[in-house]
Amino acid sequence: MTSQAILITLCCAATAAATLWFVFAVKLEASDFAPHRSRLDQLLERRDAIYENIRDLRFEHRAGKFSEEDYEEMKRALEIEAARVIADMDNLTGGAPTPAVRQAMSGKTRE
């Protein structure tokens, strides 16, 4: 065999192996076939994740994993992030932000 024939044979074998691997080894997920999520869906998902993070943070604080100062700082950061996401949702849907959202967006805390 010539070197050109060997190269062609190797390319064909590699292509065949890649095709078989894709067909039998790659698992497609349901999200691959789902329609693309809208911006509102993404924001709702992000809001829910932030709320879950706040619940987890509260649990871990009660378990003694965080000092009071660290807990308050992290909780405040998550609350500000949640307020921003909610404000984005309001902007997207045409709703007016609530006073609590406006306060959180400005970075002010209640005294």
N, C-alpha and C. Protein backbone atom coordinates (compact mmCIF):
# COMPACT_ATOMS: atom_id res chain seq x y z
N MET A 1 0.83 -1.18 0.00
CA MET A 1 0.00 0.00 0.00
C MET A 1 0.88 1.24 0.00
N THR A 2 0.38 2.24 -0.64
CA THR A 2 1.12 3.49 -0.66
C THR A 2 0.76 4.31 0.57
N SER A 3 1.57 5.28 0.84
CA SER A 3 1.32 6.12 2.02
C SER A 3 0.00 6.90 1.87
N GLN A 4 -0.35 7.22 0.64
CA GLN A 4 -1.62 7.93 0.41
C GLN A 4 -2.80 7.02 0.73
N ALA A 5 -2.74 5.77 0.36
CA ALA A 5 -3.81 4.81 0.64
C ALA A 5 -3.94 4.57 2.14
N ILE A 6 -2.80 4.50 2.83
CA ILE A 6 -2.82 4.32 4.28
C ILE A 6 -3.47 5.53 4.96
N LEU A 7 -3.15 6.72 4.51
CA LEU A 7 -3.73 7.94 5.07
C LEU A 7 -5.25 7.98 4.86
N ILE A 8 -5.69 7.61 3.68
CA ILE A 8 -7.13 7.58 3.38
C ILE A 8 -7.82 6.55 4.25
N THR A 9 -7.22 5.38 4.42
CA THR A 9 -7.79 4.33 5.26
C THR A 9 -7.90 4.79 6.71
N LEU A 10 -6.87 5.45 7.21
CA LEU A 10 -6.90 5.96 8.59
C LEU A 10 -7.98 7.03 8.78
N CYS A 11 -8.13 7.92 7.81
CA CYS A 11 -9.16 8.96 7.89
C CYS A 11 -10.55 8.34 7.89
N CYS A 12 -10.76 7.35 7.04
CA CYS A 12 -12.07 6.67 7.01
C CYS A 12 -12.35 5.95 8.31
N ALA A 13 -11.33 5.29 8.86
CA ALA A 13 -11.50 4.58 10.13
C ALA A 13 -11.80 5.56 11.26
N ALA A 14 -11.11 6.70 11.28
CA ALA A 14 -11.36 7.70 12.32
C ALA A 14 -12.76 8.28 12.20
N THR A 15 -13.20 8.54 10.98
CA THR A 15 -14.56 9.06 10.77
C THR A 15 -15.59 8.04 11.21
N ALA A 16 -15.38 6.79 10.86
CA ALA A 16 -16.32 5.73 11.26
C ALA A 16 -16.36 5.59 12.78
N ALA A 17 -15.19 5.65 13.43
CA ALA A 17 -15.14 5.53 14.89
C ALA A 17 -15.85 6.71 15.55
N ALA A 18 -15.64 7.92 15.05
CA ALA A 18 -16.31 9.09 15.62
C ALA A 18 -17.81 9.01 15.44
N THR A 19 -18.25 8.55 14.29
CA THR A 19 -19.69 8.41 14.03
C THR A 19 -20.31 7.38 14.97
N LEU A 20 -19.67 6.23 15.12
CA LEU A 20 -20.19 5.20 16.03
C LEU A 20 -20.20 5.69 17.47
N TRP A 21 -19.16 6.41 17.88
CA TRP A 21 -19.12 6.93 19.24
C TRP A 21 -20.27 7.90 19.47
N PHE A 22 -20.51 8.79 18.53
CA PHE A 22 -21.59 9.76 18.69
C PHE A 22 -22.95 9.07 18.76
N VAL A 23 -23.17 8.10 17.90
CA VAL A 23 -24.47 7.41 17.86
C VAL A 23 -24.72 6.62 19.12
N PHE A 24 -23.71 5.91 19.63
CA PHE A 24 -23.93 4.99 20.74
C PHE A 24 -23.49 5.50 22.11
N ALA A 25 -22.62 6.47 22.17
CA ALA A 25 -22.08 6.90 23.47
C ALA A 25 -22.62 8.24 23.93
N VAL A 26 -22.94 9.14 23.04
CA VAL A 26 -23.38 10.48 23.44
C VAL A 26 -24.85 10.42 23.83
N LYS A 27 -25.13 10.83 25.05
CA LYS A 27 -26.51 10.85 25.54
C LYS A 27 -27.07 12.25 25.38
N LEU A 28 -28.09 12.38 24.59
CA LEU A 28 -28.74 13.68 24.42
C LEU A 28 -29.71 13.88 25.56
N GLU A 29 -29.78 15.10 26.06
CA GLU A 29 -30.67 15.41 27.17
C GLU A 29 -31.94 16.05 26.65
N ALA A 30 -32.97 16.04 27.49
CA ALA A 30 -34.25 16.63 27.10
C ALA A 30 -34.11 18.10 26.75
N SER A 31 -33.18 18.78 27.42
CA SER A 31 -33.00 20.20 27.14
C SER A 31 -32.47 20.44 25.74
N ASP A 32 -31.85 19.42 25.13
CA ASP A 32 -31.38 19.56 23.76
C ASP A 32 -32.54 19.72 22.78
N PHE A 33 -33.70 19.19 23.15
CA PHE A 33 -34.85 19.24 22.27
C PHE A 33 -35.89 20.28 22.70
N ALA A 34 -35.70 20.83 23.89
CA ALA A 34 -36.65 21.82 24.40
C ALA A 34 -36.45 23.14 23.67
N PRO A 35 -37.53 23.89 23.52
CA PRO A 35 -37.37 25.21 22.90
C PRO A 35 -36.51 26.10 23.79
N HIS A 36 -35.87 27.07 23.20
CA HIS A 36 -35.02 27.98 23.97
C HIS A 36 -35.85 28.73 25.00
N ARG A 37 -35.25 28.90 26.17
CA ARG A 37 -35.94 29.60 27.24
C ARG A 37 -35.94 31.09 26.97
N SER A 38 -37.02 31.72 27.34
CA SER A 38 -37.11 33.17 27.18
C SER A 38 -36.29 33.84 28.28
N ARG A 39 -36.08 35.13 28.13
CA ARG A 39 -35.34 35.91 29.14
C ARG A 39 -36.09 35.86 30.48
N LEU A 40 -37.42 35.92 30.43
CA LEU A 40 -38.20 35.85 31.66
C LEU A 40 -38.02 34.50 32.35
N ASP A 41 -38.00 33.42 31.57
CA ASP A 41 -37.77 32.09 32.16
C ASP A 41 -36.41 32.03 32.84
N GLN A 42 -35.40 32.62 32.20
CA GLN A 42 -34.07 32.64 32.78
C GLN A 42 -34.05 33.43 34.09
N LEU A 43 -34.74 34.57 34.09
CA LEU A 43 -34.79 35.38 35.31
C LEU A 43 -35.54 34.67 36.43
N LEU A 44 -36.64 34.00 36.09
CA LEU A 44 -37.39 33.26 37.11
C LEU A 44 -36.53 32.15 37.70
N GLU A 45 -35.79 31.47 36.85
CA GLU A 45 -34.91 30.41 37.33
C GLU A 45 -33.82 30.98 38.23
N ARG A 46 -33.25 32.11 37.84
CA ARG A 46 -32.21 32.75 38.64
C ARG A 46 -32.76 33.21 39.99
N ARG A 47 -33.96 33.80 39.97
CA ARG A 47 -34.59 34.24 41.22
C ARG A 47 -34.79 33.05 42.17
N ASP A 48 -35.30 31.95 41.63
CA ASP A 48 -35.53 30.77 42.46
C ASP A 48 -34.22 30.23 43.04
N ALA A 49 -33.15 30.27 42.24
CA ALA A 49 -31.85 29.80 42.72
C ALA A 49 -31.34 30.70 43.84
N ILE A 50 -31.54 31.99 43.71
CA ILE A 50 -31.10 32.92 44.76
C ILE A 50 -31.88 32.67 46.04
N TYR A 51 -33.19 32.49 45.93
CA TYR A 51 -33.99 32.21 47.13
C TYR A 51 -33.53 30.91 47.80
N GLU A 52 -33.20 29.92 46.98
CA GLU A 52 -32.71 28.66 47.55
C GLU A 52 -31.36 28.88 48.25
N ASN A 53 -30.52 29.71 47.66
CA ASN A 53 -29.23 30.03 48.29
C ASN A 53 -29.43 30.74 49.63
N ILE A 54 -30.42 31.62 49.70
CA ILE A 54 -30.71 32.31 50.96
C ILE A 54 -31.18 31.30 52.01
N ARG A 55 -32.04 30.37 51.62
CA ARG A 55 -32.49 29.34 52.57
C ARG A 55 -31.32 28.48 53.04
N ASP A 56 -30.44 28.09 52.11
CA ASP A 56 -29.27 27.30 52.49
C ASP A 56 -28.35 28.08 53.42
N LEU A 57 -28.16 29.36 53.11
CA LEU A 57 -27.31 30.21 53.95
C LEU A 57 -27.88 30.29 55.36
N ARG A 58 -29.19 30.48 55.47
CA ARG A 58 -29.84 30.56 56.79
C ARG A 58 -29.63 29.26 57.56
N PHE A 59 -29.80 28.13 56.87
CA PHE A 59 -29.61 26.82 57.52
C PHE A 59 -28.17 26.66 58.01
N GLU A 60 -27.21 27.00 57.15
CA GLU A 60 -25.81 26.84 57.53
C GLU A 60 -25.42 27.80 58.65
N HIS A 61 -26.02 28.98 58.68
CA HIS A 61 -25.75 29.91 59.78
C HIS A 61 -26.28 29.34 61.09
N ARG A 62 -27.48 28.78 61.04
CA ARG A 62 -28.04 28.19 62.26
C ARG A 62 -27.23 26.98 62.72
N ALA A 63 -26.58 26.30 61.75
CA ALA A 63 -25.74 25.15 62.10
C ALA A 63 -24.37 25.58 62.62
N GLY A 64 -24.11 26.89 62.62
CA GLY A 64 -22.87 27.41 63.17
C GLY A 64 -21.71 27.49 62.20
N LYS A 65 -21.98 27.41 60.90
CA LYS A 65 -20.90 27.45 59.92
C LYS A 65 -20.44 28.87 59.60
N PHE A 66 -21.27 29.87 59.91
CA PHE A 66 -20.92 31.25 59.60
C PHE A 66 -21.10 32.12 60.83
N SER A 67 -20.24 33.10 60.96
CA SER A 67 -20.41 34.08 62.04
C SER A 67 -21.58 34.98 61.67
N GLU A 68 -22.06 35.73 62.64
CA GLU A 68 -23.19 36.63 62.41
C GLU A 68 -22.85 37.68 61.35
N GLU A 69 -21.62 38.21 61.42
CA GLU A 69 -21.21 39.24 60.46
C GLU A 69 -21.14 38.68 59.03
N ASP A 70 -20.54 37.49 58.90
CA ASP A 70 -20.44 36.87 57.57
C ASP A 70 -21.83 36.55 57.02
N TYR A 71 -22.68 36.04 57.91
CA TYR A 71 -24.03 35.70 57.49
C TYR A 71 -24.77 36.94 56.98
N GLU A 72 -24.70 38.02 57.74
CA GLU A 72 -25.40 39.24 57.34
C GLU A 72 -24.86 39.79 56.02
N GLU A 73 -23.55 39.73 55.85
CA GLU A 73 -22.94 40.23 54.61
C GLU A 73 -23.37 39.40 53.40
N MET A 74 -23.30 38.08 53.54
CA MET A 74 -23.70 37.22 52.42
C MET A 74 -25.19 37.31 52.13
N LYS A 75 -25.99 37.39 53.21
CA LYS A 75 -27.44 37.50 53.02
C LYS A 75 -27.78 38.80 52.31
N ARG A 76 -27.13 39.87 52.70
CA ARG A 76 -27.38 41.17 52.07
C ARG A 76 -27.00 41.14 50.58
N ALA A 77 -25.88 40.52 50.26
CA ALA A 77 -25.46 40.41 48.85
C ALA A 77 -26.49 39.61 48.04
N LEU A 78 -26.98 38.53 48.61
CA LEU A 78 -27.99 37.72 47.91
C LEU A 78 -29.30 38.50 47.76
N GLU A 79 -29.68 39.26 48.78
CA GLU A 79 -30.90 40.05 48.69
C GLU A 79 -30.79 41.12 47.61
N ILE A 80 -29.62 41.74 47.50
CA ILE A 80 -29.42 42.75 46.46
C ILE A 80 -29.48 42.10 45.08
N GLU A 81 -28.86 40.95 44.95
CA GLU A 81 -28.91 40.24 43.67
C GLU A 81 -30.35 39.85 43.32
N ALA A 82 -31.10 39.38 44.32
CA ALA A 82 -32.51 39.03 44.08
C ALA A 82 -33.31 40.26 43.65
N ALA A 83 -33.04 41.39 44.29
CA ALA A 83 -33.75 42.62 43.95
C ALA A 83 -33.44 43.04 42.51
N ARG A 84 -32.20 42.86 42.10
CA ARG A 84 -31.83 43.20 40.72
C ARG A 84 -32.54 42.30 39.72
N VAL A 85 -32.60 41.02 40.04
CA VAL A 85 -33.29 40.08 39.14
C VAL A 85 -34.77 40.43 39.07
N ILE A 86 -35.38 40.74 40.20
CA ILE A 86 -36.80 41.10 40.22
C ILE A 86 -37.03 42.40 39.46
N ALA A 87 -36.10 43.34 39.60
CA ALA A 87 -36.21 44.60 38.85
C ALA A 87 -36.12 44.32 37.35
N ASP A 88 -35.22 43.43 36.94
CA ASP A 88 -35.12 43.05 35.54
C ASP A 88 -36.42 42.40 35.06
N MET A 89 -37.02 41.59 35.92
CA MET A 89 -38.31 40.96 35.57
C MET A 89 -39.38 42.03 35.42
N ASP A 90 -39.38 43.01 36.33
CA ASP A 90 -40.36 44.10 36.25
C ASP A 90 -40.17 44.90 34.96
N ASN A 91 -38.92 45.19 34.62
CA ASN A 91 -38.64 45.93 33.38
C ASN A 91 -39.09 45.15 32.16
N LEU A 92 -38.87 43.86 32.20
CA LEU A 92 -39.23 43.01 31.07
C LEU A 92 -40.73 42.90 30.90
N THR A 93 -41.46 42.85 32.01
CA THR A 93 -42.90 42.69 31.95
C THR A 93 -43.65 44.01 31.99
N GLY A 94 -42.93 45.11 32.20
CA GLY A 94 -43.57 46.41 32.24
C GLY A 94 -44.12 46.80 33.60
N GLY A 95 -43.83 46.00 34.61
CA GLY A 95 -44.29 46.31 35.96
C GLY A 95 -43.37 47.30 36.63
N ALA A 96 -43.92 48.09 37.54
CA ALA A 96 -43.11 49.06 38.29
C ALA A 96 -42.45 48.35 39.46
N PRO A 97 -41.17 48.64 39.72
CA PRO A 97 -40.51 48.00 40.85
C PRO A 97 -41.13 48.44 42.17
N THR A 98 -41.14 47.54 43.12
CA THR A 98 -41.71 47.82 44.44
C THR A 98 -40.73 48.69 45.22
N PRO A 99 -41.19 49.34 46.29
CA PRO A 99 -40.27 50.14 47.12
C PRO A 99 -39.11 49.32 47.68
N ALA A 100 -39.38 48.06 48.05
CA ALA A 100 -38.31 47.22 48.60
C ALA A 100 -37.24 46.95 47.55
N VAL A 101 -37.66 46.76 46.31
CA VAL A 101 -36.70 46.53 45.22
C VAL A 101 -35.89 47.79 44.97
N ARG A 102 -36.56 48.95 44.95
CA ARG A 102 -35.84 50.20 44.74
C ARG A 102 -34.83 50.44 45.85
N GLN A 103 -35.20 50.14 47.09
CA GLN A 103 -34.29 50.32 48.21
C GLN A 103 -33.09 49.40 48.10
N ALA A 104 -33.33 48.14 47.76
CA ALA A 104 -32.24 47.18 47.64
C ALA A 104 -31.31 47.54 46.48
N MET A 105 -31.89 48.06 45.40
CA MET A 105 -31.08 48.45 44.24
C MET A 105 -30.19 49.64 44.56
N SER A 106 -30.66 50.52 45.45
CA SER A 106 -29.85 51.68 45.80
C SER A 106 -28.76 51.32 46.81
N GLY A 107 -28.84 50.11 47.40
CA GLY A 107 -27.81 49.67 48.34
C GLY A 107 -28.02 50.17 49.74
N LYS A 108 -29.15 50.82 50.02
CA LYS A 108 -29.41 51.33 51.36
C LYS A 108 -30.01 50.24 52.22
N THR A 109 -29.75 50.30 53.49
CA THR A 109 -30.31 49.35 54.43
C THR A 109 -31.24 50.08 55.38
N ARG A 110 -32.15 49.32 55.90
CA ARG A 110 -33.07 49.90 56.90
C ARG A 110 -32.33 50.13 58.20
N GLU A 111 -32.70 51.15 58.89
CA GLU A 111 -32.06 51.43 60.18
C GLU A 111 -33.08 51.44 61.27
